[in-house]
mmCIF file of all heavy atoms, coordinates in Angstrom:
data_MODEL
# 
_entry.id   MODEL 
# 
loop_
_atom_site.group_PDB 
_atom_site.id 
_atom_site.type_symbol 
_atom_site.label_atom_id 
_atom_site.label_alt_id 
_atom_site.label_comp_id 
_atom_site.label_asym_id 
_atom_site.label_entity_id 
_atom_site.label_seq_id 
_atom_site.pdbx_PDB_ins_code 
_atom_site.Cartn_x 
_atom_site.Cartn_y 
_atom_site.Cartn_z 
_atom_site.occupancy 
_atom_site.B_iso_or_equiv 
_atom_site.pdbx_formal_charge 
_atom_site.auth_seq_id 
_atom_site.auth_comp_id 
_atom_site.auth_asym_id 
_atom_site.auth_atom_id 
_atom_site.pdbx_PDB_model_num 
ATOM 1   N N   . ASP A 1 1  ? -58.537 62.530 32.916 1.00 0.00 ? 1  ASP A N   1 
ATOM 2   C CA  . ASP A 1 1  ? -59.234 61.420 33.516 1.00 0.00 ? 1  ASP A CA  1 
ATOM 3   C C   . ASP A 1 1  ? -59.675 60.417 32.412 1.00 0.00 ? 1  ASP A C   1 
ATOM 4   O O   . ASP A 1 1  ? -59.437 59.200 32.499 1.00 0.00 ? 1  ASP A O   1 
ATOM 5   C CB  . ASP A 1 1  ? -60.360 61.837 34.420 1.00 0.00 ? 1  ASP A CB  1 
ATOM 6   C CG  . ASP A 1 1  ? -59.866 62.726 35.496 1.00 0.00 ? 1  ASP A CG  1 
ATOM 7   O OD1 . ASP A 1 1  ? -58.887 62.398 36.111 1.00 0.00 ? 1  ASP A OD1 1 
ATOM 8   O OD2 . ASP A 1 1  ? -60.529 63.767 35.777 1.00 0.00 ? 1  ASP A OD2 1 
ATOM 9   N N   . TRP A 1 2  ? -60.432 60.960 31.453 1.00 0.00 ? 2  TRP A N   1 
ATOM 10  C CA  . TRP A 1 2  ? -61.011 60.025 30.486 1.00 0.00 ? 2  TRP A CA  1 
ATOM 11  C C   . TRP A 1 2  ? -59.908 59.467 29.494 1.00 0.00 ? 2  TRP A C   1 
ATOM 12  O O   . TRP A 1 2  ? -60.021 58.359 29.003 1.00 0.00 ? 2  TRP A O   1 
ATOM 13  C CB  . TRP A 1 2  ? -62.206 60.607 29.674 1.00 0.00 ? 2  TRP A CB  1 
ATOM 14  C CG  . TRP A 1 2  ? -61.962 61.674 28.749 1.00 0.00 ? 2  TRP A CG  1 
ATOM 15  C CD1 . TRP A 1 2  ? -62.208 62.997 28.971 1.00 0.00 ? 2  TRP A CD1 1 
ATOM 16  C CD2 . TRP A 1 2  ? -61.478 61.622 27.358 1.00 0.00 ? 2  TRP A CD2 1 
ATOM 17  N NE1 . TRP A 1 2  ? -61.899 63.756 27.846 1.00 0.00 ? 2  TRP A NE1 1 
ATOM 18  C CE2 . TRP A 1 2  ? -61.496 62.944 26.860 1.00 0.00 ? 2  TRP A CE2 1 
ATOM 19  C CE3 . TRP A 1 2  ? -61.053 60.539 26.590 1.00 0.00 ? 2  TRP A CE3 1 
ATOM 20  C CZ2 . TRP A 1 2  ? -61.085 63.190 25.563 1.00 0.00 ? 2  TRP A CZ2 1 
ATOM 21  C CZ3 . TRP A 1 2  ? -60.660 60.826 25.283 1.00 0.00 ? 2  TRP A CZ3 1 
ATOM 22  C CH2 . TRP A 1 2  ? -60.695 62.174 24.789 1.00 0.00 ? 2  TRP A CH2 1 
ATOM 23  N N   . ARG A 1 3  ? -58.870 60.239 29.265 1.00 0.00 ? 3  ARG A N   1 
ATOM 24  C CA  . ARG A 1 3  ? -57.753 59.760 28.486 1.00 0.00 ? 3  ARG A CA  1 
ATOM 25  C C   . ARG A 1 3  ? -57.034 58.651 29.207 1.00 0.00 ? 3  ARG A C   1 
ATOM 26  O O   . ARG A 1 3  ? -56.620 57.618 28.595 1.00 0.00 ? 3  ARG A O   1 
ATOM 27  C CB  . ARG A 1 3  ? -56.811 60.859 28.077 1.00 0.00 ? 3  ARG A CB  1 
ATOM 28  C CG  . ARG A 1 3  ? -57.362 61.847 27.119 1.00 0.00 ? 3  ARG A CG  1 
ATOM 29  C CD  . ARG A 1 3  ? -56.322 62.866 26.637 1.00 0.00 ? 3  ARG A CD  1 
ATOM 30  N NE  . ARG A 1 3  ? -56.957 63.859 25.774 1.00 0.00 ? 3  ARG A NE  1 
ATOM 31  C CZ  . ARG A 1 3  ? -57.206 63.689 24.462 1.00 0.00 ? 3  ARG A CZ  1 
ATOM 32  N NH1 . ARG A 1 3  ? -56.888 62.556 23.869 1.00 0.00 ? 3  ARG A NH1 1 
ATOM 33  N NH2 . ARG A 1 3  ? -57.735 64.660 23.727 1.00 0.00 ? 3  ARG A NH2 1 
ATOM 34  N N   . SER A 1 4  ? -56.876 58.761 30.523 1.00 0.00 ? 4  SER A N   1 
ATOM 35  C CA  . SER A 1 4  ? -56.283 57.688 31.321 1.00 0.00 ? 4  SER A CA  1 
ATOM 36  C C   . SER A 1 4  ? -57.184 56.472 31.401 1.00 0.00 ? 4  SER A C   1 
ATOM 37  O O   . SER A 1 4  ? -56.676 55.384 31.357 1.00 0.00 ? 4  SER A O   1 
ATOM 38  C CB  . SER A 1 4  ? -55.931 58.196 32.725 1.00 0.00 ? 4  SER A CB  1 
ATOM 39  O OG  . SER A 1 4  ? -55.014 59.270 32.739 1.00 0.00 ? 4  SER A OG  1 
ATOM 40  N N   . MET A 1 5  ? -58.443 56.720 31.413 1.00 0.00 ? 5  MET A N   1 
ATOM 41  C CA  . MET A 1 5  ? -59.412 55.620 31.558 1.00 0.00 ? 5  MET A CA  1 
ATOM 42  C C   . MET A 1 5  ? -59.417 54.816 30.219 1.00 0.00 ? 5  MET A C   1 
ATOM 43  O O   . MET A 1 5  ? -59.504 53.551 30.288 1.00 0.00 ? 5  MET A O   1 
ATOM 44  C CB  . MET A 1 5  ? -60.820 56.245 31.760 1.00 0.00 ? 5  MET A CB  1 
ATOM 45  C CG  . MET A 1 5  ? -61.950 55.230 31.888 1.00 0.00 ? 5  MET A CG  1 
ATOM 46  S SD  . MET A 1 5  ? -63.526 56.098 31.955 1.00 0.00 ? 5  MET A SD  1 
ATOM 47  C CE  . MET A 1 5  ? -63.631 56.757 30.282 1.00 0.00 ? 5  MET A CE  1 
ATOM 48  N N   . ARG A 1 6  ? -59.250 55.398 29.103 1.00 0.00 ? 6  ARG A N   1 
ATOM 49  C CA  . ARG A 1 6  ? -59.231 54.762 27.845 1.00 0.00 ? 6  ARG A CA  1 
ATOM 50  C C   . ARG A 1 6  ? -57.892 54.452 27.264 1.00 0.00 ? 6  ARG A C   1 
ATOM 51  O O   . ARG A 1 6  ? -57.739 53.857 26.185 1.00 0.00 ? 6  ARG A O   1 
ATOM 52  C CB  . ARG A 1 6  ? -60.113 55.530 26.851 1.00 0.00 ? 6  ARG A CB  1 
ATOM 53  C CG  . ARG A 1 6  ? -61.593 55.669 27.222 1.00 0.00 ? 6  ARG A CG  1 
ATOM 54  C CD  . ARG A 1 6  ? -62.372 56.373 26.070 1.00 0.00 ? 6  ARG A CD  1 
ATOM 55  N NE  . ARG A 1 6  ? -63.770 56.542 26.373 1.00 0.00 ? 6  ARG A NE  1 
ATOM 56  C CZ  . ARG A 1 6  ? -64.742 55.662 26.138 1.00 0.00 ? 6  ARG A CZ  1 
ATOM 57  N NH1 . ARG A 1 6  ? -64.442 54.517 25.581 1.00 0.00 ? 6  ARG A NH1 1 
ATOM 58  N NH2 . ARG A 1 6  ? -65.970 55.998 26.433 1.00 0.00 ? 6  ARG A NH2 1 
ATOM 59  N N   . ALA A 1 7  ? -56.898 54.987 27.875 1.00 0.00 ? 7  ALA A N   1 
ATOM 60  C CA  . ALA A 1 7  ? -55.454 54.938 27.442 1.00 0.00 ? 7  ALA A CA  1 
ATOM 61  C C   . ALA A 1 7  ? -55.344 55.502 26.051 1.00 0.00 ? 7  ALA A C   1 
ATOM 62  O O   . ALA A 1 7  ? -54.909 54.888 25.088 1.00 0.00 ? 7  ALA A O   1 
ATOM 63  C CB  . ALA A 1 7  ? -54.968 53.448 27.415 1.00 0.00 ? 7  ALA A CB  1 
ATOM 64  N N   . LYS A 1 8  ? -55.803 56.761 25.850 1.00 0.00 ? 8  LYS A N   1 
ATOM 65  C CA  . LYS A 1 8  ? -55.735 57.461 24.568 1.00 0.00 ? 8  LYS A CA  1 
ATOM 66  C C   . LYS A 1 8  ? -54.891 58.731 24.851 1.00 0.00 ? 8  LYS A C   1 
ATOM 67  O O   . LYS A 1 8  ? -55.084 59.446 25.787 1.00 0.00 ? 8  LYS A O   1 
ATOM 68  C CB  . LYS A 1 8  ? -57.119 57.830 24.113 1.00 0.00 ? 8  LYS A CB  1 
ATOM 69  C CG  . LYS A 1 8  ? -57.938 56.591 23.659 1.00 0.00 ? 8  LYS A CG  1 
ATOM 70  C CD  . LYS A 1 8  ? -59.215 57.038 23.008 1.00 0.00 ? 8  LYS A CD  1 
ATOM 71  C CE  . LYS A 1 8  ? -59.983 55.928 22.461 1.00 0.00 ? 8  LYS A CE  1 
ATOM 72  N NZ  . LYS A 1 8  ? -61.249 56.293 21.816 1.00 0.00 ? 8  LYS A NZ  1 
ATOM 73  N N   . PRO A 1 9  ? -53.986 59.029 23.851 1.00 0.00 ? 9  PRO A N   1 
ATOM 74  C CA  . PRO A 1 9  ? -53.632 58.204 22.756 1.00 0.00 ? 9  PRO A CA  1 
ATOM 75  C C   . PRO A 1 9  ? -52.865 56.928 23.184 1.00 0.00 ? 9  PRO A C   1 
ATOM 76  O O   . PRO A 1 9  ? -52.407 56.772 24.318 1.00 0.00 ? 9  PRO A O   1 
ATOM 77  C CB  . PRO A 1 9  ? -52.691 59.049 21.922 1.00 0.00 ? 9  PRO A CB  1 
ATOM 78  C CG  . PRO A 1 9  ? -52.116 59.999 22.942 1.00 0.00 ? 9  PRO A CG  1 
ATOM 79  C CD  . PRO A 1 9  ? -53.285 60.213 23.900 1.00 0.00 ? 9  PRO A CD  1 
ATOM 80  N N   . PHE A 1 10 ? -52.740 55.924 22.253 1.00 0.00 ? 10 PHE A N   1 
ATOM 81  C CA  . PHE A 1 10 ? -52.266 54.636 22.615 1.00 0.00 ? 10 PHE A CA  1 
ATOM 82  C C   . PHE A 1 10 ? -50.868 54.684 23.256 1.00 0.00 ? 10 PHE A C   1 
ATOM 83  O O   . PHE A 1 10 ? -50.539 53.908 24.169 1.00 0.00 ? 10 PHE A O   1 
ATOM 84  C CB  . PHE A 1 10 ? -52.286 53.696 21.412 1.00 0.00 ? 10 PHE A CB  1 
ATOM 85  C CG  . PHE A 1 10 ? -51.926 52.268 21.762 1.00 0.00 ? 10 PHE A CG  1 
ATOM 86  C CD1 . PHE A 1 10 ? -52.849 51.392 22.237 1.00 0.00 ? 10 PHE A CD1 1 
ATOM 87  C CD2 . PHE A 1 10 ? -50.603 51.804 21.572 1.00 0.00 ? 10 PHE A CD2 1 
ATOM 88  C CE1 . PHE A 1 10 ? -52.542 50.054 22.552 1.00 0.00 ? 10 PHE A CE1 1 
ATOM 89  C CE2 . PHE A 1 10 ? -50.247 50.514 21.889 1.00 0.00 ? 10 PHE A CE2 1 
ATOM 90  C CZ  . PHE A 1 10 ? -51.229 49.636 22.418 1.00 0.00 ? 10 PHE A CZ  1 
ATOM 91  N N   . PHE A 1 11 ? -50.006 55.593 22.764 1.00 0.00 ? 11 PHE A N   1 
ATOM 92  C CA  . PHE A 1 11 ? -48.655 55.624 23.264 1.00 0.00 ? 11 PHE A CA  1 
ATOM 93  C C   . PHE A 1 11 ? -48.594 56.007 24.729 1.00 0.00 ? 11 PHE A C   1 
ATOM 94  O O   . PHE A 1 11 ? -47.539 55.793 25.328 1.00 0.00 ? 11 PHE A O   1 
ATOM 95  C CB  . PHE A 1 11 ? -47.716 56.528 22.444 1.00 0.00 ? 11 PHE A CB  1 
ATOM 96  C CG  . PHE A 1 11 ? -48.098 57.950 22.434 1.00 0.00 ? 11 PHE A CG  1 
ATOM 97  C CD1 . PHE A 1 11 ? -47.800 58.750 23.554 1.00 0.00 ? 11 PHE A CD1 1 
ATOM 98  C CD2 . PHE A 1 11 ? -48.779 58.572 21.350 1.00 0.00 ? 11 PHE A CD2 1 
ATOM 99  C CE1 . PHE A 1 11 ? -48.111 60.096 23.564 1.00 0.00 ? 11 PHE A CE1 1 
ATOM 100 C CE2 . PHE A 1 11 ? -49.068 59.929 21.472 1.00 0.00 ? 11 PHE A CE2 1 
ATOM 101 C CZ  . PHE A 1 11 ? -48.774 60.697 22.551 1.00 0.00 ? 11 PHE A CZ  1 
ATOM 102 N N   . SER A 1 12 ? -49.627 56.541 25.277 1.00 0.00 ? 12 SER A N   1 
ATOM 103 C CA  . SER A 1 12 ? -49.703 56.944 26.684 1.00 0.00 ? 12 SER A CA  1 
ATOM 104 C C   . SER A 1 12 ? -49.568 55.709 27.550 1.00 0.00 ? 12 SER A C   1 
ATOM 105 O O   . SER A 1 12 ? -49.254 55.873 28.785 1.00 0.00 ? 12 SER A O   1 
ATOM 106 C CB  . SER A 1 12 ? -50.920 57.727 26.978 1.00 0.00 ? 12 SER A CB  1 
ATOM 107 O OG  . SER A 1 12 ? -52.122 56.927 26.854 1.00 0.00 ? 12 SER A OG  1 
ATOM 108 N N   . ARG A 1 13 ? -49.826 54.527 27.057 1.00 0.00 ? 13 ARG A N   1 
ATOM 109 C CA  . ARG A 1 13 ? -49.702 53.283 27.850 1.00 0.00 ? 13 ARG A CA  1 
ATOM 110 C C   . ARG A 1 13 ? -48.309 53.125 28.344 1.00 0.00 ? 13 ARG A C   1 
ATOM 111 O O   . ARG A 1 13 ? -48.087 52.402 29.331 1.00 0.00 ? 13 ARG A O   1 
ATOM 112 C CB  . ARG A 1 13 ? -50.141 52.074 27.067 1.00 0.00 ? 13 ARG A CB  1 
ATOM 113 C CG  . ARG A 1 13 ? -51.628 52.000 26.790 1.00 0.00 ? 13 ARG A CG  1 
ATOM 114 C CD  . ARG A 1 13 ? -52.013 50.734 26.014 1.00 0.00 ? 13 ARG A CD  1 
ATOM 115 N NE  . ARG A 1 13 ? -53.451 50.759 25.699 1.00 0.00 ? 13 ARG A NE  1 
ATOM 116 C CZ  . ARG A 1 13 ? -54.265 49.705 26.033 1.00 0.00 ? 13 ARG A CZ  1 
ATOM 117 N NH1 . ARG A 1 13 ? -53.759 48.575 26.571 1.00 0.00 ? 13 ARG A NH1 1 
ATOM 118 N NH2 . ARG A 1 13 ? -55.499 49.736 25.664 1.00 0.00 ? 13 ARG A NH2 1 
ATOM 119 N N   . ALA A 1 14 ? -47.332 53.762 27.738 1.00 0.00 ? 14 ALA A N   1 
ATOM 120 C CA  . ALA A 1 14 ? -45.960 53.639 28.170 1.00 0.00 ? 14 ALA A CA  1 
ATOM 121 C C   . ALA A 1 14 ? -45.769 54.160 29.627 1.00 0.00 ? 14 ALA A C   1 
ATOM 122 O O   . ALA A 1 14 ? -44.981 53.661 30.333 1.00 0.00 ? 14 ALA A O   1 
ATOM 123 C CB  . ALA A 1 14 ? -45.054 54.374 27.242 1.00 0.00 ? 14 ALA A CB  1 
ATOM 124 N N   . SER A 1 15 ? -46.588 55.138 29.948 1.00 0.00 ? 15 SER A N   1 
ATOM 125 C CA  . SER A 1 15 ? -46.527 55.705 31.304 1.00 0.00 ? 15 SER A CA  1 
ATOM 126 C C   . SER A 1 15 ? -47.714 55.261 32.179 1.00 0.00 ? 15 SER A C   1 
ATOM 127 O O   . SER A 1 15 ? -47.625 55.148 33.450 1.00 0.00 ? 15 SER A O   1 
ATOM 128 C CB  . SER A 1 15 ? -46.460 57.203 31.284 1.00 0.00 ? 15 SER A CB  1 
ATOM 129 O OG  . SER A 1 15 ? -47.600 57.763 30.654 1.00 0.00 ? 15 SER A OG  1 
ATOM 130 N N   . LEU A 1 16 ? -48.910 55.000 31.511 1.00 0.00 ? 16 LEU A N   1 
ATOM 131 C CA  . LEU A 1 16 ? -50.107 54.660 32.311 1.00 0.00 ? 16 LEU A CA  1 
ATOM 132 C C   . LEU A 1 16 ? -50.090 53.120 32.654 1.00 0.00 ? 16 LEU A C   1 
ATOM 133 O O   . LEU A 1 16 ? -50.800 52.807 33.687 1.00 0.00 ? 16 LEU A O   1 
ATOM 134 C CB  . LEU A 1 16 ? -51.331 54.976 31.432 1.00 0.00 ? 16 LEU A CB  1 
ATOM 135 C CG  . LEU A 1 16 ? -51.600 56.400 31.092 1.00 0.00 ? 16 LEU A CG  1 
ATOM 136 C CD1 . LEU A 1 16 ? -52.813 56.536 30.203 1.00 0.00 ? 16 LEU A CD1 1 
ATOM 137 C CD2 . LEU A 1 16 ? -51.733 57.251 32.377 1.00 0.00 ? 16 LEU A CD2 1 
ATOM 138 N N   . GLY A 1 17 ? -49.428 52.307 31.890 1.00 0.00 ? 17 GLY A N   1 
ATOM 139 C CA  . GLY A 1 17 ? -49.484 50.881 32.130 1.00 0.00 ? 17 GLY A CA  1 
ATOM 140 C C   . GLY A 1 17 ? -49.813 50.156 30.794 1.00 0.00 ? 17 GLY A C   1 
ATOM 141 O O   . GLY A 1 17 ? -50.811 50.587 30.138 1.00 0.00 ? 17 GLY A O   1 
ATOM 142 N N   . LEU A 1 18 ? -49.027 49.296 30.317 1.00 0.00 ? 18 LEU A N   1 
ATOM 143 C CA  . LEU A 1 18 ? -49.217 48.689 28.989 1.00 0.00 ? 18 LEU A CA  1 
ATOM 144 C C   . LEU A 1 18 ? -50.488 47.933 28.779 1.00 0.00 ? 18 LEU A C   1 
ATOM 145 O O   . LEU A 1 18 ? -51.256 48.137 27.858 1.00 0.00 ? 18 LEU A O   1 
ATOM 146 C CB  . LEU A 1 18 ? -47.950 47.767 28.627 1.00 0.00 ? 18 LEU A CB  1 
ATOM 147 C CG  . LEU A 1 18 ? -47.945 47.195 27.230 1.00 0.00 ? 18 LEU A CG  1 
ATOM 148 C CD1 . LEU A 1 18 ? -47.918 48.308 26.192 1.00 0.00 ? 18 LEU A CD1 1 
ATOM 149 C CD2 . LEU A 1 18 ? -46.750 46.279 27.139 1.00 0.00 ? 18 LEU A CD2 1 
ATOM 150 N N   . LEU A 1 19 ? -50.796 46.976 29.740 1.00 0.00 ? 19 LEU A N   1 
ATOM 151 C CA  . LEU A 1 19 ? -51.972 46.156 29.545 1.00 0.00 ? 19 LEU A CA  1 
ATOM 152 C C   . LEU A 1 19 ? -53.141 46.518 30.485 1.00 0.00 ? 19 LEU A C   1 
ATOM 153 O O   . LEU A 1 19 ? -54.291 46.340 30.090 1.00 0.00 ? 19 LEU A O   1 
ATOM 154 C CB  . LEU A 1 19 ? -51.556 44.703 29.841 1.00 0.00 ? 19 LEU A CB  1 
ATOM 155 C CG  . LEU A 1 19 ? -50.460 44.072 28.983 1.00 0.00 ? 19 LEU A CG  1 
ATOM 156 C CD1 . LEU A 1 19 ? -50.157 42.627 29.444 1.00 0.00 ? 19 LEU A CD1 1 
ATOM 157 C CD2 . LEU A 1 19 ? -50.951 44.111 27.489 1.00 0.00 ? 19 LEU A CD2 1 
ATOM 158 N N   . ARG A 1 20 ? -52.821 47.108 31.595 1.00 0.00 ? 20 ARG A N   1 
ATOM 159 C CA  . ARG A 1 20 ? -53.907 47.581 32.523 1.00 0.00 ? 20 ARG A CA  1 
ATOM 160 C C   . ARG A 1 20 ? -53.378 48.811 33.239 1.00 0.00 ? 20 ARG A C   1 
ATOM 161 O O   . ARG A 1 20 ? -52.162 49.044 33.330 1.00 0.00 ? 20 ARG A O   1 
ATOM 162 C CB  . ARG A 1 20 ? -54.302 46.464 33.472 1.00 0.00 ? 20 ARG A CB  1 
ATOM 163 C CG  . ARG A 1 20 ? -53.149 45.942 34.337 1.00 0.00 ? 20 ARG A CG  1 
ATOM 164 C CD  . ARG A 1 20 ? -53.621 44.806 35.259 1.00 0.00 ? 20 ARG A CD  1 
ATOM 165 N NE  . ARG A 1 20 ? -54.245 43.725 34.474 1.00 0.00 ? 20 ARG A NE  1 
ATOM 166 C CZ  . ARG A 1 20 ? -53.493 42.686 33.959 1.00 0.00 ? 20 ARG A CZ  1 
ATOM 167 N NH1 . ARG A 1 20 ? -52.196 42.646 34.108 1.00 0.00 ? 20 ARG A NH1 1 
ATOM 168 N NH2 . ARG A 1 20 ? -54.118 41.757 33.305 1.00 0.00 ? 20 ARG A NH2 1 
ATOM 169 N N   . PRO A 1 21 ? -54.269 49.589 33.790 1.00 0.00 ? 21 PRO A N   1 
ATOM 170 C CA  . PRO A 1 21 ? -53.846 50.862 34.406 1.00 0.00 ? 21 PRO A CA  1 
ATOM 171 C C   . PRO A 1 21 ? -52.891 50.636 35.624 1.00 0.00 ? 21 PRO A C   1 
ATOM 172 O O   . PRO A 1 21 ? -53.191 49.748 36.428 1.00 0.00 ? 21 PRO A O   1 
ATOM 173 C CB  . PRO A 1 21 ? -55.218 51.441 34.907 1.00 0.00 ? 21 PRO A CB  1 
ATOM 174 C CG  . PRO A 1 21 ? -56.208 50.808 34.050 1.00 0.00 ? 21 PRO A CG  1 
ATOM 175 C CD  . PRO A 1 21 ? -55.744 49.417 33.776 1.00 0.00 ? 21 PRO A CD  1 
ATOM 176 N N   . LYS A 1 22 ? -51.844 51.419 35.694 1.00 0.00 ? 22 LYS A N   1 
ATOM 177 C CA  . LYS A 1 22 ? -50.887 51.323 36.775 1.00 0.00 ? 22 LYS A CA  1 
ATOM 178 C C   . LYS A 1 22 ? -51.497 52.020 37.994 1.00 0.00 ? 22 LYS A C   1 
ATOM 179 O O   . LYS A 1 22 ? -51.340 51.599 39.160 1.00 0.00 ? 22 LYS A O   1 
ATOM 180 C CB  . LYS A 1 22 ? -49.641 52.098 36.358 1.00 0.00 ? 22 LYS A CB  1 
ATOM 181 C CG  . LYS A 1 22 ? -48.558 52.083 37.420 1.00 0.00 ? 22 LYS A CG  1 
ATOM 182 C CD  . LYS A 1 22 ? -47.393 53.022 37.046 1.00 0.00 ? 22 LYS A CD  1 
ATOM 183 C CE  . LYS A 1 22 ? -46.873 52.768 35.619 1.00 0.00 ? 22 LYS A CE  1 
ATOM 184 N NZ  . LYS A 1 22 ? -45.740 53.671 35.281 1.00 0.00 ? 22 LYS A NZ  1 
ATOM 185 N N   . HIS A 1 23 ? -52.242 53.145 37.783 1.00 0.00 ? 23 HIS A N   1 
ATOM 186 C CA  . HIS A 1 23 ? -52.932 53.854 38.825 1.00 0.00 ? 23 HIS A CA  1 
ATOM 187 C C   . HIS A 1 23 ? -54.363 53.464 38.819 1.00 0.00 ? 23 HIS A C   1 
ATOM 188 O O   . HIS A 1 23 ? -55.054 53.803 37.890 1.00 0.00 ? 23 HIS A O   1 
ATOM 189 C CB  . HIS A 1 23 ? -52.699 55.363 38.723 1.00 0.00 ? 23 HIS A CB  1 
ATOM 190 C CG  . HIS A 1 23 ? -51.230 55.722 38.709 1.00 0.00 ? 23 HIS A CG  1 
ATOM 191 N ND1 . HIS A 1 23 ? -50.325 55.449 39.708 1.00 0.00 ? 23 HIS A ND1 1 
ATOM 192 C CD2 . HIS A 1 23 ? -50.497 56.240 37.708 1.00 0.00 ? 23 HIS A CD2 1 
ATOM 193 C CE1 . HIS A 1 23 ? -49.161 55.921 39.346 1.00 0.00 ? 23 HIS A CE1 1 
ATOM 194 N NE2 . HIS A 1 23 ? -49.209 56.403 38.119 1.00 0.00 ? 23 HIS A NE2 1 
ATOM 195 N N   . ARG A 1 24 ? -54.872 52.898 39.860 1.00 0.00 ? 24 ARG A N   1 
ATOM 196 C CA  . ARG A 1 24 ? -56.289 52.378 39.837 1.00 0.00 ? 24 ARG A CA  1 
ATOM 197 C C   . ARG A 1 24 ? -57.353 53.416 40.214 1.00 0.00 ? 24 ARG A C   1 
ATOM 198 O O   . ARG A 1 24 ? -58.549 53.026 40.129 1.00 0.00 ? 24 ARG A O   1 
ATOM 199 C CB  . ARG A 1 24 ? -56.270 51.138 40.731 1.00 0.00 ? 24 ARG A CB  1 
ATOM 200 C CG  . ARG A 1 24 ? -55.348 50.019 40.344 1.00 0.00 ? 24 ARG A CG  1 
ATOM 201 C CD  . ARG A 1 24 ? -55.599 49.575 38.878 1.00 0.00 ? 24 ARG A CD  1 
ATOM 202 N NE  . ARG A 1 24 ? -54.671 48.549 38.374 1.00 0.00 ? 24 ARG A NE  1 
ATOM 203 C CZ  . ARG A 1 24 ? -54.949 47.238 38.518 1.00 0.00 ? 24 ARG A CZ  1 
ATOM 204 N NH1 . ARG A 1 24 ? -56.036 46.823 39.138 1.00 0.00 ? 24 ARG A NH1 1 
ATOM 205 N NH2 . ARG A 1 24 ? -54.021 46.395 38.080 1.00 0.00 ? 24 ARG A NH2 1 
ATOM 206 N N   . ILE A 1 25 ? -57.031 54.477 40.785 1.00 0.00 ? 25 ILE A N   1 
ATOM 207 C CA  . ILE A 1 25 ? -57.983 55.541 41.120 1.00 0.00 ? 25 ILE A CA  1 
ATOM 208 C C   . ILE A 1 25 ? -57.650 56.789 40.310 1.00 0.00 ? 25 ILE A C   1 
ATOM 209 O O   . ILE A 1 25 ? -56.595 57.354 40.492 1.00 0.00 ? 25 ILE A O   1 
ATOM 210 C CB  . ILE A 1 25 ? -58.019 55.858 42.618 1.00 0.00 ? 25 ILE A CB  1 
ATOM 211 C CG1 . ILE A 1 25 ? -58.370 54.523 43.378 1.00 0.00 ? 25 ILE A CG1 1 
ATOM 212 C CG2 . ILE A 1 25 ? -59.023 56.907 42.959 1.00 0.00 ? 25 ILE A CG2 1 
ATOM 213 C CD1 . ILE A 1 25 ? -58.395 54.742 44.912 1.00 0.00 ? 25 ILE A CD1 1 
# 
């Protein structure tokens, strides 16, 4: 949860959403 909240590590943005979270909850 907190890794998704902060997009850590940075490369996780490839699946989480590059600029903003893909999944909002």
